[in-house]
Every structure is written in structure tokens, then in C-alpha cells.
Amino acid sequence: MKRSDFRCLTRLRVRWAEVDMQKIVFNAHYLMYFDTAIADYWRALGLPYEAAMQALGGDLYVRKASVEYHASARADDTLEIGLRCARVGHSSLVFTGGVFRGEQFLVGGELIYVFADPATQTARRVPDALRNLLADFEAGKPVVRVATGAWSTLGAAASAVRTEVFVAEQGIRAEDEWDVDDATAVHAVVFNRLEQPLATGRLLQHATGVGRIGRMAVIRAMRGSGLGARVLRALLDAAWARGDQEVILHAQRSAEAFYRRLGFVPRGAAFEEVGIEHIEMAMPRPPAQA
């Protein structure tokens, strides 16, 4: 088994509490590593697990979990846990896993899940939507899409994400979240294969030749999977396409590093907006877009 066999890899650092009296990782913790990695696998599929299973009409239950040990991990080792869907049966899903330290293969695993009715835990046929999604992901095909357009077409999806993130999670008052600018903005929304909205943002005309991006939000279960960057790039493409020479945004300070990585530069002093500290950031039109 090789690290390159896996599209989805989860990076973990071995904690002191996971090491036994032999000074190696206690054997049962490898199952916890695989279980942690399966959560990242669902994120890689673009599926917020709970909402996705409700939409699919079932849930997954472990039927069998096996681990094969080849070498030991130790405290402070950086590990990568790979998972891939090896087979989909009538009601079962078989995942193969590997634990790697660099390129060294340490531990292999197999997880067998049954798709079942959550009320009775009786097996159900794996829905075609999930079968096709798993096959496409393992084949390297896209599993999410980004749509850009007007509030009239994307408003319901964008508002669902913004309500979950800004109103329910961050405690922003609903009357502060919605404004007349939504009607004239360019909106971007990321959808998964179940047509569930996962992330959103909007682009306004701030001034002549200057666009302003705002209302950037990714639902909690999907953070860290690159969806925010996809929204931002879609809105930047829309700004350059209409001739903007600069794009600005008001970044929450907790997200400043994210925007820096994508080319935005802070400008001016920090300020408070809806009770949250922000800073203005800007990006000039790239030469390739001129």
C-alpha cells in the first residue's frame, strides 16, 4: 500500500496521551485515526454528513472494522491517514485505509459500513446519488460546482448559508445581515452533488472600477475543504470580467490569514463592524487580467 493510492489524506500529530507503556501508539487509537479520517473523506465529497444523510434517506453504521499492524508510530510523529472507497455493494460500503509516516506504510485498515434506515437500523440499498458520487470522487472528477448569478436565482441558497453562519453561529442580528445591496450584487454559491448549498459570497460595485466582496461564508462542517477559496476566485473572476481594477473587502480578523494567502493586502487600521473586529484588505487587478 502506498500513500499515492489515496486521494483523501488526513494529517495528524501523535499526542502523548495516545502512547502506551511501550512508548508506541496504543493499538486501539488507530481505529480512532481512521474514524477521524472518514470525517475528512465526507468533506472531500462535499457532504456535510448529517444533512447529507438526511437528504439520502438513511445513515451509515459500522459493521466491521479491522486493523493490520506493520510498524509503530510514536509520540510527536506526523502521520497521514488515507482512505478510499474500495467497493459499494447493495447496502454496504467498503473503505480501505492506510496510516503513513512520510512514505512509510505503518498500519492498514478496512471499514465496512451498512447504509440503513436510522429509525430501525435495517439495511437499505445505497442510493444511486451516493454511489455515483463515490465513483466520481475516486476517479478524480469534480464533486462540487460554483454558480454565480443574481439574487433572484441564488438568493434562497445564499441566504440559507448566511443564516446558518452569520445569524445562528456568530449571533449577528438578522436585520443587520440583509440589505438592499443583495438585489444588485453578483452572488456565488458552492453546491454539492445533492444540490445543498455549502458556501457563498457576493460582489458589489463599490466605486467606479472598484469591486467589493463581502458576506463570505462557509458552513461549519465544510470549513478547511477549500470552498471559501473557490467562492473568492469566482467573485474575483466576475470582477475582472466586468473591468474592475481593484477589489476590496472587510475581513474578519480571524480570516485575515486566509485572504492574505489568496493575494489580498491589509489597508488601514482595524475597526469594528456588527460587533466583530475587521480590517480592510485590497487586491489590484493582476497584470494577466489587464
Protein backbone atom coordinates (compact mmCIF):
# COMPACT_ATOMS: atom_id res chain seq x y z
CA MET A 1 0.00 0.00 0.00
CA LYS A 2 1.31 3.45 -0.99
CA ARG A 3 0.46 6.95 0.12
CA SER A 4 -0.24 7.84 -3.52
CA ASP A 5 -3.07 5.29 -3.57
CA PHE A 6 -5.30 7.78 -1.73
CA ARG A 7 -6.99 10.98 -2.90
CA CYS A 8 -8.02 11.88 0.65
CA LEU A 9 -5.32 12.15 3.33
CA THR A 10 -5.75 13.46 6.87
CA ARG A 11 -2.70 14.83 8.68
CA LEU A 12 -2.43 14.08 12.42
CA ARG A 13 0.27 14.52 15.03
CA VAL A 14 0.52 11.78 17.63
CA ARG A 15 -0.33 13.09 21.09
CA TRP A 16 1.34 11.94 24.31
CA ALA A 17 -1.98 10.54 25.57
CA GLU A 18 -2.09 8.13 22.60
CA VAL A 19 1.17 6.38 23.52
CA ASP A 20 1.19 3.29 25.75
CA MET A 21 3.74 1.86 28.18
CA GLN A 22 5.77 0.52 25.24
CA LYS A 23 6.19 4.14 24.08
CA ILE A 24 4.31 3.45 20.85
CA VAL A 25 0.78 4.36 19.80
CA PHE A 26 -1.71 2.12 21.61
CA ASN A 27 -3.25 -0.20 19.04
CA ALA A 28 -6.88 0.90 19.56
CA HIS A 29 -6.04 4.52 18.66
CA TYR A 30 -5.52 3.57 15.01
CA LEU A 31 -9.27 2.97 14.74
CA MET A 32 -9.78 6.48 16.11
CA TYR A 33 -7.37 7.76 13.43
CA PHE A 34 -9.40 6.06 10.70
CA ASP A 35 -12.63 7.42 12.16
CA THR A 36 -11.16 10.93 12.15
CA ALA A 37 -10.11 10.47 8.54
CA ILE A 38 -13.58 9.34 7.46
CA ALA A 39 -14.94 12.74 8.53
CA ASP A 40 -12.43 14.40 6.19
CA TYR A 41 -13.44 11.97 3.46
CA TRP A 42 -17.06 13.18 3.64
CA ARG A 43 -15.83 16.78 3.50
CA ALA A 44 -13.79 15.91 0.41
CA LEU A 45 -17.00 14.58 -1.16
CA GLY A 46 -18.69 17.92 -0.42
CA LEU A 47 -21.09 16.27 2.02
CA PRO A 48 -21.93 17.80 5.41
CA TYR A 49 -22.56 14.40 6.97
CA GLU A 50 -25.75 14.89 8.98
CA ALA A 51 -27.59 16.99 6.40
CA ALA A 52 -26.41 14.74 3.56
CA MET A 53 -27.61 11.55 5.22
CA GLN A 54 -31.00 13.12 5.89
CA ALA A 55 -31.25 14.02 2.21
CA LEU A 56 -30.22 10.49 1.20
CA GLY A 57 -32.82 8.94 3.49
CA GLY A 58 -30.55 6.83 5.67
CA ASP A 59 -27.40 6.67 7.74
CA LEU A 60 -24.20 4.63 7.91
CA TYR A 61 -23.42 2.08 10.61
CA VAL A 62 -20.12 0.26 11.06
CA ARG A 63 -20.49 -3.48 10.56
CA LYS A 64 -16.84 -4.46 10.66
CA ALA A 65 -13.55 -2.71 11.40
CA SER A 66 -10.20 -4.45 11.04
CA VAL A 67 -6.64 -3.23 11.52
CA GLU A 68 -3.37 -4.78 10.38
CA TYR A 69 -0.16 -3.59 12.03
CA HIS A 70 3.16 -3.40 10.18
CA ALA A 71 5.14 -0.80 12.14
CA SER A 72 4.58 1.53 15.09
CA ALA A 73 4.02 5.25 15.37
CA ARG A 74 5.44 7.19 18.31
CA ALA A 75 4.73 10.40 20.17
CA ASP A 76 5.09 13.54 18.03
CA ASP A 77 5.15 11.60 14.76
CA THR A 78 3.30 13.38 11.97
CA LEU A 79 1.04 10.86 10.30
CA GLU A 80 -1.18 10.89 7.25
CA ILE A 81 -4.23 8.67 7.23
CA GLY A 82 -5.52 7.77 3.79
CA LEU A 83 -8.96 6.40 2.98
CA ARG A 84 -10.56 5.30 -0.25
CA CYS A 85 -13.87 3.69 -1.11
CA ALA A 86 -12.88 0.27 -2.44
CA ARG A 87 -16.33 -1.14 -3.16
CA VAL A 88 -20.03 -0.34 -2.97
CA GLY A 89 -22.35 -3.30 -2.56
CA HIS A 90 -26.13 -3.43 -2.39
CA SER A 91 -26.25 -1.84 1.07
CA SER A 92 -22.59 -1.84 2.08
CA LEU A 93 -19.62 0.48 1.62
CA VAL A 94 -16.10 -0.87 1.99
CA PHE A 95 -13.29 1.57 2.78
CA THR A 96 -9.60 0.72 2.68
CA GLY A 97 -7.26 2.77 4.84
CA GLY A 98 -3.57 3.29 5.42
CA VAL A 99 -1.51 5.10 8.06
CA PHE A 100 1.74 6.61 6.77
CA ARG A 101 4.75 8.31 8.34
CA GLY A 102 6.17 10.07 5.33
CA GLU A 103 6.15 7.35 2.68
CA GLN A 104 6.44 4.55 5.22
CA PHE A 105 3.33 2.39 5.49
CA LEU A 106 2.63 1.67 9.15
CA VAL A 107 -0.89 0.34 9.53
CA GLY A 108 -3.62 -0.84 7.19
CA GLY A 109 -7.33 -0.95 7.86
CA GLU A 110 -10.69 -1.86 6.44
CA LEU A 111 -14.01 -0.32 7.46
CA ILE A 112 -17.31 -1.84 6.30
CA TYR A 113 -20.41 0.31 6.67
CA VAL A 114 -24.05 -0.56 6.08
CA PHE A 115 -26.46 2.05 4.74
CA ALA A 116 -29.61 1.68 6.80
CA ASP A 117 -32.87 3.20 7.99
CA PRO A 118 -31.89 5.34 11.02
CA ALA A 119 -35.11 4.51 12.86
CA THR A 120 -34.92 0.70 12.55
CA GLN A 121 -31.26 0.19 11.50
CA THR A 122 -32.46 -2.16 8.77
CA ALA A 123 -30.32 -2.19 5.64
CA ARG A 124 -31.29 -0.14 2.62
CA ARG A 125 -29.86 -0.04 -0.88
CA VAL A 126 -27.12 2.56 -1.21
CA PRO A 127 -28.72 5.45 -3.16
CA ASP A 128 -27.50 5.97 -6.71
CA ALA A 129 -26.60 9.57 -5.87
CA LEU A 130 -24.08 8.34 -3.28
CA ARG A 131 -22.82 5.50 -5.50
CA ASN A 132 -22.12 7.85 -8.36
CA LEU A 133 -20.53 10.46 -6.11
CA LEU A 134 -18.11 7.92 -4.60
CA ALA A 135 -17.16 6.57 -8.02
CA ASP A 136 -16.58 10.03 -9.45
CA PHE A 137 -14.54 11.21 -6.48
CA GLU A 138 -12.24 8.19 -6.64
CA ALA A 139 -11.91 8.77 -10.41
CA GLY A 140 -10.78 12.36 -9.79
CA LYS A 141 -13.91 14.04 -11.09
CA PRO A 142 -15.39 17.26 -9.59
CA VAL A 143 -17.84 16.76 -6.74
CA VAL A 144 -18.96 20.36 -6.20
CA ARG A 145 -19.84 23.24 -8.51
CA VAL A 146 -19.76 27.03 -8.16
CA ALA A 147 -22.68 29.02 -9.52
CA THR A 148 -22.59 32.81 -9.99
CA GLY A 149 -25.59 34.97 -10.67
CA ALA A 150 -28.28 37.25 -9.34
CA TRP A 151 -30.17 37.15 -6.06
CA SER A 152 -33.29 36.15 -7.98
CA THR A 153 -31.71 32.79 -8.83
CA LEU A 154 -29.26 32.22 -5.95
CA GLY A 155 -30.86 34.12 -3.10
CA ALA A 156 -32.53 31.17 -1.40
CA ALA A 157 -29.30 29.14 -1.36
CA ALA A 158 -27.10 32.08 -0.33
CA SER A 159 -29.47 33.12 2.44
CA ALA A 160 -29.53 29.57 3.85
CA VAL A 161 -25.73 29.60 4.24
CA ARG A 162 -25.60 33.14 5.60
CA THR A 163 -28.35 32.49 8.11
CA GLU A 164 -26.55 29.40 9.40
CA VAL A 165 -23.15 31.09 9.65
CA PHE A 166 -23.80 34.74 10.49
CA VAL A 167 -27.12 34.71 12.33
CA ALA A 168 -27.21 31.31 14.06
CA GLU A 169 -23.48 30.78 14.65
CA GLN A 170 -21.99 34.26 15.02
CA GLY A 171 -25.04 35.88 16.59
CA ILE A 172 -25.36 38.74 14.09
CA ARG A 173 -28.84 40.24 14.18
CA ALA A 174 -30.95 39.23 11.16
CA GLU A 175 -31.76 42.89 10.42
CA ASP A 176 -28.01 43.60 10.12
CA GLU A 177 -27.43 40.69 7.76
CA TRP A 178 -29.88 41.57 4.99
CA ASP A 179 -29.73 44.80 2.96
CA VAL A 180 -30.79 46.26 -0.38
CA ASP A 181 -27.36 45.53 -1.90
CA ASP A 182 -28.26 41.85 -2.34
CA ALA A 183 -30.57 42.81 -5.20
CA THR A 184 -27.75 44.32 -7.30
CA ALA A 185 -24.82 42.12 -6.24
CA VAL A 186 -23.21 39.24 -8.10
CA HIS A 187 -23.58 36.19 -5.86
CA ALA A 188 -21.54 32.99 -5.80
CA VAL A 189 -22.72 29.75 -4.20
CA VAL A 190 -20.99 26.37 -3.96
CA PHE A 191 -23.34 23.40 -4.34
CA ASN A 192 -22.62 19.72 -3.75
CA ARG A 193 -23.98 16.83 -5.79
CA LEU A 194 -27.16 16.82 -3.67
CA GLU A 195 -27.69 20.49 -4.59
CA GLN A 196 -27.10 21.52 -0.99
CA PRO A 197 -25.50 25.00 -0.65
CA LEU A 198 -22.19 24.89 1.20
CA ALA A 199 -20.59 28.32 0.80
CA THR A 200 -21.40 31.76 -0.54
CA GLY A 201 -20.21 35.33 -1.07
CA ARG A 202 -21.21 38.42 -3.03
CA LEU A 203 -19.60 41.13 -5.19
CA LEU A 204 -20.78 44.76 -5.12
CA GLN A 205 -19.79 47.78 -7.20
CA HIS A 206 -18.07 49.86 -4.52
CA ALA A 207 -16.98 52.70 -6.84
CA THR A 208 -16.04 53.16 -10.48
CA GLY A 209 -13.56 50.39 -11.26
CA VAL A 210 -13.61 49.08 -7.70
CA GLY A 211 -15.44 45.94 -6.62
CA ARG A 212 -16.21 44.95 -3.06
CA ILE A 213 -16.52 41.34 -1.91
CA GLY A 214 -18.49 40.53 1.20
CA ARG A 215 -20.82 38.12 3.01
CA MET A 216 -18.23 35.34 2.58
CA ALA A 217 -19.44 32.26 4.48
CA VAL A 218 -18.79 28.51 4.58
CA ILE A 219 -20.95 26.21 6.70
CA ARG A 220 -19.12 24.81 9.72
CA ALA A 221 -18.97 21.19 8.57
CA MET A 222 -17.23 22.12 5.31
CA ARG A 223 -14.55 24.52 6.57
CA GLY A 224 -11.00 23.66 5.64
CA SER A 225 -12.00 22.00 2.39
CA GLY A 226 -11.14 24.88 0.04
CA LEU A 227 -14.68 26.07 -0.63
CA GLY A 228 -14.07 29.61 0.59
CA ALA A 229 -11.23 29.97 -1.90
CA ARG A 230 -13.49 28.72 -4.70
CA VAL A 231 -16.12 31.34 -3.87
CA LEU A 232 -13.50 34.09 -3.69
CA ARG A 233 -11.92 33.14 -7.03
CA ALA A 234 -15.33 33.03 -8.73
CA LEU A 235 -16.14 36.53 -7.47
CA LEU A 236 -12.72 37.85 -8.48
CA ASP A 237 -13.22 36.42 -11.97
CA ALA A 238 -16.55 38.25 -12.15
CA ALA A 239 -14.88 41.48 -11.02
CA TRP A 240 -12.09 41.29 -13.60
CA ALA A 241 -14.56 40.30 -16.33
CA ARG A 242 -16.61 43.45 -15.80
CA GLY A 243 -13.49 45.64 -15.81
CA ASP A 244 -12.80 46.33 -12.14
CA GLN A 245 -9.25 47.49 -11.47
CA GLU A 246 -9.28 46.70 -7.75
CA VAL A 247 -11.28 44.59 -5.34
CA ILE A 248 -11.59 45.38 -1.64
CA LEU A 249 -13.19 43.54 1.26
CA HIS A 250 -13.71 43.87 5.00
CA ALA A 251 -12.16 40.75 6.52
CA GLN A 252 -12.93 39.46 9.98
CA ARG A 253 -9.57 39.39 11.74
CA SER A 254 -9.90 35.65 12.27
CA ALA A 255 -9.97 35.25 8.46
CA GLU A 256 -7.19 37.72 7.63
CA ALA A 257 -4.59 34.98 7.00
CA PHE A 258 -6.95 33.24 4.56
CA TYR A 259 -7.29 36.39 2.44
CA ARG A 260 -3.56 37.09 2.61
CA ARG A 261 -2.83 33.65 1.15
CA LEU A 262 -5.09 34.47 -1.79
CA GLY A 263 -3.37 37.78 -2.56
CA PHE A 264 -5.19 40.43 -0.51
CA VAL A 265 -3.18 43.02 1.45
CA PRO A 266 -4.37 44.82 4.63
CA ARG A 267 -5.04 48.54 4.34
CA GLY A 268 -5.63 50.92 7.23
CA ALA A 269 -6.40 50.24 10.86
CA ALA A 270 -8.70 47.58 12.28
CA PHE A 271 -12.30 48.56 13.01
CA GLU A 272 -15.45 47.07 14.48
CA GLU A 273 -18.40 46.02 12.33
CA VAL A 274 -21.55 44.34 13.73
CA GLY A 275 -19.62 43.75 16.96
CA ILE A 276 -16.74 41.88 15.24
CA GLU A 277 -13.23 43.24 14.58
CA HIS A 278 -12.49 43.67 10.86
CA ILE A 279 -9.76 45.05 8.64
CA GLU A 280 -9.98 46.35 5.09
CA MET A 281 -7.96 44.40 2.53
CA ALA A 282 -7.40 45.03 -1.17
CA MET A 283 -6.19 43.31 -4.32
CA PRO A 284 -5.27 45.17 -7.53
CA ARG A 285 -6.19 43.74 -10.91
CA PRO A 286 -3.47 41.19 -11.85
CA PRO A 287 -1.42 42.02 -14.96
CA ALA A 288 -2.70 38.88 -16.70
CA GLN A 289 -6.25 40.26 -16.37
CA ALA A 290 -5.42 43.74 -17.66
